[in-house]
């Protein structure tokens, strides 16, 4: 269950970041599956602002198209082989992106802090729908985002289990051909299944608006799982990821 949740929450935790160096994230996607360490990012602050063309409600189709265990057979994460059942099997659910009024950093007017309207993900709505699409309606009780920090999200599961995801760093870039690319690094803590389990996840996604409406947007996403210092294989793995998953995302009106 933990590994499935790791997979299904990747899309949902994309938050605001500074710009990456030109082309750095695009090159990283092109280099899959040769990833040796986490990419350069900035500390997480605020909420991710999406392009205007992502505003609205969508039917999302998420398909796992490739999976690699770079350090196998010495190190293979729990559940990796079990995830092969999802290869080339589209998982569908509704997601939405909404308008939010947010302060403009560094700008002040007489009445207070200047504000602007931007497009952000409805993370609680999206997280609940996607988690239930993978695990079933009865397995996932709710998804909540910390009202004091968009970087912290908790998924409540049956049997008093929780998956806590905390974004620590991220970056974005826009390519000359119009792709909007994001990367994020977040810590995960799974509680309630005996000993707490920690890991570190990096997710990089390139969104592209299409000239058609079926789908209207497509995305290429790679998720990398790294061991936490609490794992007995941490020093053996070093900075290298122990699992890589590649997805094709399609958004339909």
C-alpha atoms as a PDB file:
ATOM      1  CA  UNK A   1       0.000   0.000   0.000  1.00  0.00           C
ATOM      2  CA  UNK A   2       2.831   2.418   0.839  1.00  0.00           C
ATOM      3  CA  UNK A   3       4.437   2.050  -2.576  1.00  0.00           C
ATOM      4  CA  UNK A   4       1.099   2.506  -4.361  1.00  0.00           C
ATOM      5  CA  UNK A   5       0.495   5.695  -2.392  1.00  0.00           C
ATOM      6  CA  UNK A   6       3.959   6.912  -3.301  1.00  0.00           C
ATOM      7  CA  UNK A   7       3.047   6.456  -6.959  1.00  0.00           C
ATOM      8  CA  UNK A   8      -0.392   8.018  -6.886  1.00  0.00           C
ATOM      9  CA  UNK A   9       0.567  11.126  -4.909  1.00  0.00           C
ATOM     10  CA  UNK A  10       3.375  12.279  -7.190  1.00  0.00           C
ATOM     11  CA  UNK A  11       1.131  14.381  -9.389  1.00  0.00           C
ATOM     12  CA  UNK A  12      -0.590  16.058  -6.475  1.00  0.00           C
ATOM     13  CA  UNK A  13       2.215  17.803  -4.600  1.00  0.00           C
ATOM     14  CA  UNK A  14       3.598  20.233  -7.166  1.00  0.00           C
ATOM     15  CA  UNK A  15       4.183  23.552  -5.444  1.00  0.00           C
ATOM     16  CA  UNK A  16       5.674  26.949  -6.202  1.00  0.00           C
ATOM     17  CA  UNK A  17       9.395  27.237  -6.943  1.00  0.00           C
ATOM     18  CA  UNK A  18      12.048  29.460  -8.418  1.00  0.00           C
ATOM     19  CA  UNK A  19      13.154  29.012 -12.009  1.00  0.00           C
ATOM     20  CA  UNK A  20      15.676  26.268 -12.722  1.00  0.00           C
ATOM     21  CA  UNK A  21      18.634  26.821 -14.981  1.00  0.00           C
ATOM     22  CA  UNK A  22      17.557  26.922 -18.621  1.00  0.00           C
ATOM     23  CA  UNK A  23      16.842  23.436 -19.885  1.00  0.00           C
ATOM     24  CA  UNK A  24      18.092  21.646 -16.761  1.00  0.00           C
ATOM     25  CA  UNK A  25      14.817  19.857 -16.024  1.00  0.00           C
ATOM     26  CA  UNK A  26      14.171  19.016 -19.676  1.00  0.00           C
ATOM     27  CA  UNK A  27      17.616  17.439 -19.916  1.00  0.00           C
ATOM     28  CA  UNK A  28      16.908  15.457 -16.768  1.00  0.00           C
ATOM     29  CA  UNK A  29      13.785  13.922 -18.277  1.00  0.00           C
ATOM     30  CA  UNK A  30      15.693  13.129 -21.461  1.00  0.00           C
ATOM     31  CA  UNK A  31      18.368  11.307 -19.426  1.00  0.00           C
ATOM     32  CA  UNK A  32      15.922   8.788 -17.896  1.00  0.00           C
ATOM     33  CA  UNK A  33      16.726   6.286 -16.427  1.00  0.00           C
ATOM     34  CA  UNK A  34      20.305   7.476 -15.803  1.00  0.00           C
ATOM     35  CA  UNK A  35      19.695   9.547 -12.670  1.00  0.00           C
ATOM     36  CA  UNK A  36      22.600   9.598 -10.214  1.00  0.00           C
ATOM     37  CA  UNK A  37      21.314  12.051  -7.601  1.00  0.00           C
ATOM     38  CA  UNK A  38      18.567  14.537  -6.781  1.00  0.00           C
ATOM     39  CA  UNK A  39      18.487  17.522  -9.134  1.00  0.00           C
ATOM     40  CA  UNK A  40      19.270  21.052  -7.919  1.00  0.00           C
ATOM     41  CA  UNK A  41      16.258  22.786  -6.361  1.00  0.00           C
ATOM     42  CA  UNK A  42      15.293  25.733  -4.173  1.00  0.00           C
ATOM     43  CA  UNK A  43      13.728  25.593  -0.681  1.00  0.00           C
ATOM     44  CA  UNK A  44       9.947  25.169  -0.838  1.00  0.00           C
ATOM     45  CA  UNK A  45       7.962  28.375  -0.417  1.00  0.00           C
ATOM     46  CA  UNK A  46       4.296  29.000  -1.158  1.00  0.00           C
ATOM     47  CA  UNK A  47       2.083  27.368  -3.758  1.00  0.00           C
ATOM     48  CA  UNK A  48       2.835  26.339  -7.330  1.00  0.00           C
ATOM     49  CA  UNK A  49       1.357  28.685  -9.926  1.00  0.00           C
ATOM     50  CA  UNK A  50       0.260  26.721 -12.982  1.00  0.00           C
ATOM     51  CA  UNK A  51      -0.252  28.142 -16.500  1.00  0.00           C
ATOM     52  CA  UNK A  52      -3.689  29.590 -17.229  1.00  0.00           C
ATOM     53  CA  UNK A  53      -4.374  26.798 -19.733  1.00  0.00           C
ATOM     54  CA  UNK A  54      -4.553  24.306 -16.852  1.00  0.00           C
ATOM     55  CA  UNK A  55      -7.476  26.081 -15.174  1.00  0.00           C
ATOM     56  CA  UNK A  56     -10.657  24.026 -14.743  1.00  0.00           C
ATOM     57  CA  UNK A  57     -11.820  20.477 -14.073  1.00  0.00           C
ATOM     58  CA  UNK A  58     -10.283  17.551 -15.933  1.00  0.00           C
ATOM     59  CA  UNK A  59     -10.551  13.817 -16.404  1.00  0.00           C
ATOM     60  CA  UNK A  60      -7.018  12.595 -15.742  1.00  0.00           C
ATOM     61  CA  UNK A  61      -5.647   9.401 -17.250  1.00  0.00           C
ATOM     62  CA  UNK A  62      -2.374   8.355 -15.576  1.00  0.00           C
ATOM     63  CA  UNK A  63      -0.453   5.420 -17.076  1.00  0.00           C
ATOM     64  CA  UNK A  64       2.717   3.836 -15.732  1.00  0.00           C
ATOM     65  CA  UNK A  65       4.786   3.215 -18.886  1.00  0.00           C
ATOM     66  CA  UNK A  66       8.190   2.215 -17.467  1.00  0.00           C
ATOM     67  CA  UNK A  67       9.794   1.245 -14.167  1.00  0.00           C
ATOM     68  CA  UNK A  68      13.450   0.682 -13.289  1.00  0.00           C
ATOM     69  CA  UNK A  69      15.289  -0.511 -10.169  1.00  0.00           C
ATOM     70  CA  UNK A  70      18.803   0.897 -10.839  1.00  0.00           C
ATOM     71  CA  UNK A  71      20.464  -0.928  -7.924  1.00  0.00           C
ATOM     72  CA  UNK A  72      18.798  -4.333  -8.376  1.00  0.00           C
ATOM     73  CA  UNK A  73      19.281  -7.076  -7.412  1.00  0.00           C
ATOM     74  CA  UNK A  74      21.247  -5.760  -4.408  1.00  0.00           C
ATOM     75  CA  UNK A  75      18.603  -3.180  -3.457  1.00  0.00           C
ATOM     76  CA  UNK A  76      14.944  -3.359  -4.498  1.00  0.00           C
ATOM     77  CA  UNK A  77      12.293  -1.337  -2.680  1.00  0.00           C
ATOM     78  CA  UNK A  78       9.298  -3.075  -1.068  1.00  0.00           C
ATOM     79  CA  UNK A  79       6.453  -3.449  -3.529  1.00  0.00           C
ATOM     80  CA  UNK A  80       8.510  -2.682  -6.640  1.00  0.00           C
ATOM     81  CA  UNK A  81       7.751  -5.967  -8.387  1.00  0.00           C
ATOM     82  CA  UNK A  82       4.123  -5.778  -7.325  1.00  0.00           C
ATOM     83  CA  UNK A  83       3.787  -2.466  -9.142  1.00  0.00           C
ATOM     84  CA  UNK A  84       4.323  -4.195 -12.478  1.00  0.00           C
ATOM     85  CA  UNK A  85       0.593  -4.920 -12.481  1.00  0.00           C
ATOM     86  CA  UNK A  86       0.053  -1.205 -13.213  1.00  0.00           C
ATOM     87  CA  UNK A  87       2.269  -1.112 -16.325  1.00  0.00           C
ATOM     88  CA  UNK A  88       0.283   0.190 -19.310  1.00  0.00           C
ATOM     89  CA  UNK A  89      -2.933   0.185 -17.245  1.00  0.00           C
ATOM     90  CA  UNK A  90      -4.543   3.680 -17.282  1.00  0.00           C
ATOM     91  CA  UNK A  91      -5.833   4.917 -13.930  1.00  0.00           C
ATOM     92  CA  UNK A  92      -8.544   7.562 -14.295  1.00  0.00           C
ATOM     93  CA  UNK A  93     -10.035  10.155 -11.962  1.00  0.00           C
ATOM     94  CA  UNK A  94     -11.179  13.774 -11.827  1.00  0.00           C
ATOM     95  CA  UNK A  95      -8.761  16.571 -10.922  1.00  0.00           C
ATOM     96  CA  UNK A  96      -9.119  20.332 -10.929  1.00  0.00           C
ATOM     97  CA  UNK A  97      -7.123  23.546 -10.948  1.00  0.00           C
ATOM     98  CA  UNK A  98      -8.663  26.638  -9.419  1.00  0.00           C
ATOM     99  CA  UNK A  99      -8.108  30.374  -9.037  1.00  0.00           C
ATOM    100  CA  UNK A 100      -6.546  31.583  -5.821  1.00  0.00           C
ATOM    101  CA  UNK A 101      -5.701  35.073  -4.651  1.00  0.00           C
ATOM    102  CA  UNK A 102      -2.165  35.265  -3.327  1.00  0.00           C
ATOM    103  CA  UNK A 103       0.179  38.036  -2.096  1.00  0.00           C
ATOM    104  CA  UNK A 104       2.698  39.417  -4.566  1.00  0.00           C
ATOM    105  CA  UNK A 105       6.096  39.194  -2.904  1.00  0.00           C
ATOM    106  CA  UNK A 106       7.893  42.484  -2.481  1.00  0.00           C
ATOM    107  CA  UNK A 107       5.011  44.731  -3.621  1.00  0.00           C
ATOM    108  CA  UNK A 108       2.987  46.849  -1.186  1.00  0.00           C
ATOM    109  CA  UNK A 109       0.178  49.327  -1.658  1.00  0.00           C
ATOM    110  CA  UNK A 110      -1.456  51.776   0.743  1.00  0.00           C
ATOM    111  CA  UNK A 111      -4.165  49.318   1.771  1.00  0.00           C
ATOM    112  CA  UNK A 112      -1.657  46.557   2.500  1.00  0.00           C
ATOM    113  CA  UNK A 113       0.046  43.834   0.493  1.00  0.00           C
ATOM    114  CA  UNK A 114      -0.722  43.740  -3.237  1.00  0.00           C
ATOM    115  CA  UNK A 115      -2.424  40.523  -4.384  1.00  0.00           C
ATOM    116  CA  UNK A 116      -2.948  38.669  -7.644  1.00  0.00           C
ATOM    117  CA  UNK A 117      -5.159  35.828  -8.889  1.00  0.00           C
ATOM    118  CA  UNK A 118      -3.285  32.692  -9.950  1.00  0.00           C
ATOM    119  CA  UNK A 119      -4.026  29.076 -10.939  1.00  0.00           C
ATOM    120  CA  UNK A 120      -3.223  26.384  -8.358  1.00  0.00           C
ATOM    121  CA  UNK A 121      -4.091  22.721  -7.887  1.00  0.00           C
ATOM    122  CA  UNK A 122      -6.962  21.744  -5.603  1.00  0.00           C
ATOM    123  CA  UNK A 123      -4.699  19.363  -3.727  1.00  0.00           C
ATOM    124  CA  UNK A 124      -7.219  17.901  -1.275  1.00  0.00           C
ATOM    125  CA  UNK A 125      -9.738  17.159  -4.059  1.00  0.00           C
ATOM    126  CA  UNK A 126      -7.099  15.777  -6.411  1.00  0.00           C
ATOM    127  CA  UNK A 127      -5.332  13.766  -3.720  1.00  0.00           C
ATOM    128  CA  UNK A 128      -8.518  12.066  -2.550  1.00  0.00           C
ATOM    129  CA  UNK A 129      -9.686  11.188  -6.067  1.00  0.00           C
ATOM    130  CA  UNK A 130      -6.366   9.805  -7.251  1.00  0.00           C
ATOM    131  CA  UNK A 131      -5.681   7.844  -4.059  1.00  0.00           C
ATOM    132  CA  UNK A 132      -9.134   6.245  -4.279  1.00  0.00           C
ATOM    133  CA  UNK A 133      -8.620   5.483  -7.966  1.00  0.00           C
ATOM    134  CA  UNK A 134      -5.583   3.383  -7.001  1.00  0.00           C
ATOM    135  CA  UNK A 135      -6.639   1.947  -3.646  1.00  0.00           C
ATOM    136  CA  UNK A 136     -10.436   1.900  -3.780  1.00  0.00           C
ATOM    137  CA  UNK A 137     -13.081   4.135  -2.217  1.00  0.00           C
ATOM    138  CA  UNK A 138     -13.129   2.345   1.124  1.00  0.00           C
ATOM    139  CA  UNK A 139      -9.355   2.294   1.629  1.00  0.00           C
ATOM    140  CA  UNK A 140      -8.902   6.081   1.702  1.00  0.00           C
ATOM    141  CA  UNK A 141     -10.825   8.070   4.307  1.00  0.00           C
ATOM    142  CA  UNK A 142      -9.733  11.610   3.468  1.00  0.00           C
ATOM    143  CA  UNK A 143      -6.907  13.859   2.306  1.00  0.00           C
ATOM    144  CA  UNK A 144      -6.134  17.083   4.131  1.00  0.00           C
ATOM    145  CA  UNK A 145      -3.739  19.930   3.371  1.00  0.00           C
ATOM    146  CA  UNK A 146      -2.300  21.861   6.304  1.00  0.00           C
ATOM    147  CA  UNK A 147      -4.136  25.237   6.312  1.00  0.00           C
ATOM    148  CA  UNK A 148      -0.925  26.894   7.495  1.00  0.00           C
ATOM    149  CA  UNK A 149       1.339  25.317   4.871  1.00  0.00           C
ATOM    150  CA  UNK A 150       0.544  24.068   1.352  1.00  0.00           C
ATOM    151  CA  UNK A 151       3.730  22.010   1.625  1.00  0.00           C
ATOM    152  CA  UNK A 152       2.208  19.505   4.042  1.00  0.00           C
ATOM    153  CA  UNK A 153      -0.437  16.951   3.060  1.00  0.00           C
ATOM    154  CA  UNK A 154      -1.848  14.015   5.042  1.00  0.00           C
ATOM    155  CA  UNK A 155      -3.683  11.030   3.551  1.00  0.00           C
ATOM    156  CA  UNK A 156      -5.839   9.226   6.133  1.00  0.00           C
ATOM    157  CA  UNK A 157      -6.293   5.500   5.507  1.00  0.00           C
ATOM    158  CA  UNK A 158      -8.212   2.658   7.063  1.00  0.00           C
ATOM    159  CA  UNK A 159      -6.966   1.079  10.299  1.00  0.00           C
ATOM    160  CA  UNK A 160      -5.681   4.438  11.590  1.00  0.00           C
ATOM    161  CA  UNK A 161      -2.871   4.645   9.066  1.00  0.00           C
ATOM    162  CA  UNK A 162      -1.507   7.901   7.655  1.00  0.00           C
ATOM    163  CA  UNK A 163       0.797   8.964   4.844  1.00  0.00           C
ATOM    164  CA  UNK A 164       2.358  12.362   5.547  1.00  0.00           C
ATOM    165  CA  UNK A 165       4.040  14.139   2.609  1.00  0.00           C
ATOM    166  CA  UNK A 166       6.110  17.270   3.178  1.00  0.00           C
ATOM    167  CA  UNK A 167       7.593  19.158   0.247  1.00  0.00           C
ATOM    168  CA  UNK A 168      11.048  20.499   1.067  1.00  0.00           C
ATOM    169  CA  UNK A 169      12.338  21.815  -2.282  1.00  0.00           C
ATOM    170  CA  UNK A 170      11.312  22.396  -5.892  1.00  0.00           C
ATOM    171  CA  UNK A 171      12.023  24.237  -9.144  1.00  0.00           C
ATOM    172  CA  UNK A 172      10.311  25.009 -12.453  1.00  0.00           C
ATOM    173  CA  UNK A 173      11.200  25.990 -16.001  1.00  0.00           C
ATOM    174  CA  UNK A 174       9.383  26.869 -19.212  1.00  0.00           C
ATOM    175  CA  UNK A 175      10.964  25.588 -22.424  1.00  0.00           C
ATOM    176  CA  UNK A 176      11.063  27.452 -25.759  1.00  0.00           C
ATOM    177  CA  UNK A 177       8.503  25.018 -27.209  1.00  0.00           C
ATOM    178  CA  UNK A 178       5.987  25.879 -24.464  1.00  0.00           C
ATOM    179  CA  UNK A 179       6.401  23.019 -21.989  1.00  0.00           C
ATOM    180  CA  UNK A 180       5.879  23.833 -18.327  1.00  0.00           C
ATOM    181  CA  UNK A 181       8.256  21.624 -16.289  1.00  0.00           C
ATOM    182  CA  UNK A 182       8.291  21.202 -12.540  1.00  0.00           C
ATOM    183  CA  UNK A 183      10.350  19.182 -10.110  1.00  0.00           C
ATOM    184  CA  UNK A 184       9.769  18.693  -6.403  1.00  0.00           C
ATOM    185  CA  UNK A 185      11.474  16.858  -3.590  1.00  0.00           C
ATOM    186  CA  UNK A 186       9.439  15.704  -0.644  1.00  0.00           C
ATOM    187  CA  UNK A 187       9.722  13.533   2.424  1.00  0.00           C
ATOM    188  CA  UNK A 188       7.195  10.808   3.124  1.00  0.00           C
ATOM    189  CA  UNK A 189       6.302   9.260   6.459  1.00  0.00           C
ATOM    190  CA  UNK A 190       3.992   6.254   6.664  1.00  0.00           C
ATOM    191  CA  UNK A 191       2.505   5.749  10.136  1.00  0.00           C
ATOM    192  CA  UNK A 192       0.247   3.102  11.620  1.00  0.00           C
ATOM    193  CA  UNK A 193       1.677  -0.069  10.085  1.00  0.00           C
ATOM    194  CA  UNK A 194       4.062  -0.933  12.922  1.00  0.00           C
ATOM    195  CA  UNK A 195       7.427   0.825  12.686  1.00  0.00           C
ATOM    196  CA  UNK A 196       7.164   4.199  10.860  1.00  0.00           C
ATOM    197  CA  UNK A 197       8.614   4.116   7.341  1.00  0.00           C
ATOM    198  CA  UNK A 198      10.458   7.080   5.759  1.00  0.00           C
ATOM    199  CA  UNK A 199      11.642   7.775   2.238  1.00  0.00           C
ATOM    200  CA  UNK A 200      12.571  10.663  -0.048  1.00  0.00           C
ATOM    201  CA  UNK A 201      10.840  11.224  -3.391  1.00  0.00           C
ATOM    202  CA  UNK A 202      11.659  13.422  -6.380  1.00  0.00           C
ATOM    203  CA  UNK A 203       9.055  13.987  -9.096  1.00  0.00           C
ATOM    204  CA  UNK A 204       9.671  15.809 -12.390  1.00  0.00           C
ATOM    205  CA  UNK A 205       6.781  16.544 -14.765  1.00  0.00           C
ATOM    206  CA  UNK A 206       6.663  18.250 -18.177  1.00  0.00           C
ATOM    207  CA  UNK A 207       3.186  19.553 -19.141  1.00  0.00           C
ATOM    208  CA  UNK A 208       2.323  20.460 -22.739  1.00  0.00           C
ATOM    209  CA  UNK A 209      -0.829  22.084 -24.092  1.00  0.00           C
ATOM    210  CA  UNK A 210      -2.105  20.362 -27.233  1.00  0.00           C
ATOM    211  CA  UNK A 211      -3.962  21.775 -30.217  1.00  0.00           C
ATOM    212  CA  UNK A 212      -6.687  19.146 -29.731  1.00  0.00           C
ATOM    213  CA  UNK A 213      -9.244  18.658 -26.947  1.00  0.00           C
ATOM    214  CA  UNK A 214      -8.990  14.876 -26.734  1.00  0.00           C
ATOM    215  CA  UNK A 215      -6.702  15.122 -24.781  1.00  0.00           C
ATOM    216  CA  UNK A 216      -6.125  18.841 -24.278  1.00  0.00           C
ATOM    217  CA  UNK A 217      -2.957  18.469 -22.193  1.00  0.00           C
ATOM    218  CA  UNK A 218      -0.372  15.732 -21.933  1.00  0.00           C
ATOM    219  CA  UNK A 219       2.516  15.292 -19.534  1.00  0.00           C
ATOM    220  CA  UNK A 220       5.640  13.172 -19.103  1.00  0.00           C
ATOM    221  CA  UNK A 221       6.412  12.406 -15.472  1.00  0.00           C
ATOM    222  CA  UNK A 222       9.306  10.614 -13.782  1.00  0.00           C
ATOM    223  CA  UNK A 223       9.261   9.740 -10.089  1.00  0.00           C
ATOM    224  CA  UNK A 224      12.466   8.755  -8.295  1.00  0.00           C
ATOM    225  CA  UNK A 225      12.508   7.108  -4.867  1.00  0.00           C
ATOM    226  CA  UNK A 226      15.562   7.544  -2.594  1.00  0.00           C
ATOM    227  CA  UNK A 227      16.300   5.819   0.689  1.00  0.00           C
ATOM    228  CA  UNK A 228      16.138   7.778   3.930  1.00  0.00           C
ATOM    229  CA  UNK A 229      18.967   7.717   6.490  1.00  0.00           C
ATOM    230  CA  UNK A 230      16.820   5.364   8.607  1.00  0.00           C
ATOM    231  CA  UNK A 231      17.044   2.632   5.961  1.00  0.00           C
ATOM    232  CA  UNK A 232      19.739  -0.036   6.554  1.00  0.00           C
ATOM    233  CA  UNK A 233      20.772   0.197   2.869  1.00  0.00           C
ATOM    234  CA  UNK A 234      21.112   3.985   2.940  1.00  0.00           C
ATOM    235  CA  UNK A 235      24.910   4.154   2.759  1.00  0.00           C
ATOM    236  CA  UNK A 236      25.071   1.425   0.130  1.00  0.00           C
ATOM    237  CA  UNK A 237      22.663   3.339  -2.117  1.00  0.00           C
ATOM    238  CA  UNK A 238      24.379   6.660  -1.525  1.00  0.00           C
ATOM    239  CA  UNK A 239      22.848   9.507  -3.545  1.00  0.00           C
ATOM    240  CA  UNK A 240      21.374   7.185  -6.191  1.00  0.00           C
ATOM    241  CA  UNK A 241      17.642   6.458  -6.563  1.00  0.00           C
ATOM    242  CA  UNK A 242      16.491   2.918  -5.779  1.00  0.00           C
ATOM    243  CA  UNK A 243      13.359   3.040  -7.948  1.00  0.00           C
ATOM    244  CA  UNK A 244      12.302   5.065 -10.995  1.00  0.00           C
ATOM    245  CA  UNK A 245       8.773   5.212 -12.398  1.00  0.00           C
ATOM    246  CA  UNK A 246       7.741   6.921 -15.642  1.00  0.00           C
ATOM    247  CA  UNK A 247       4.150   7.978 -16.365  1.00  0.00           C
ATOM    248  CA  UNK A 248       2.123   9.363 -19.227  1.00  0.00           C
ATOM    249  CA  UNK A 249      -0.519  11.836 -18.043  1.00  0.00           C
ATOM    250  CA  UNK A 250      -3.435  12.920 -20.239  1.00  0.00           C
ATOM    251  CA  UNK A 251      -6.032  15.578 -19.358  1.00  0.00           C
ATOM    252  CA  UNK A 252      -9.488  15.549 -20.950  1.00  0.00           C
ATOM    253  CA  UNK A 253     -12.163  18.205 -20.521  1.00  0.00           C
END
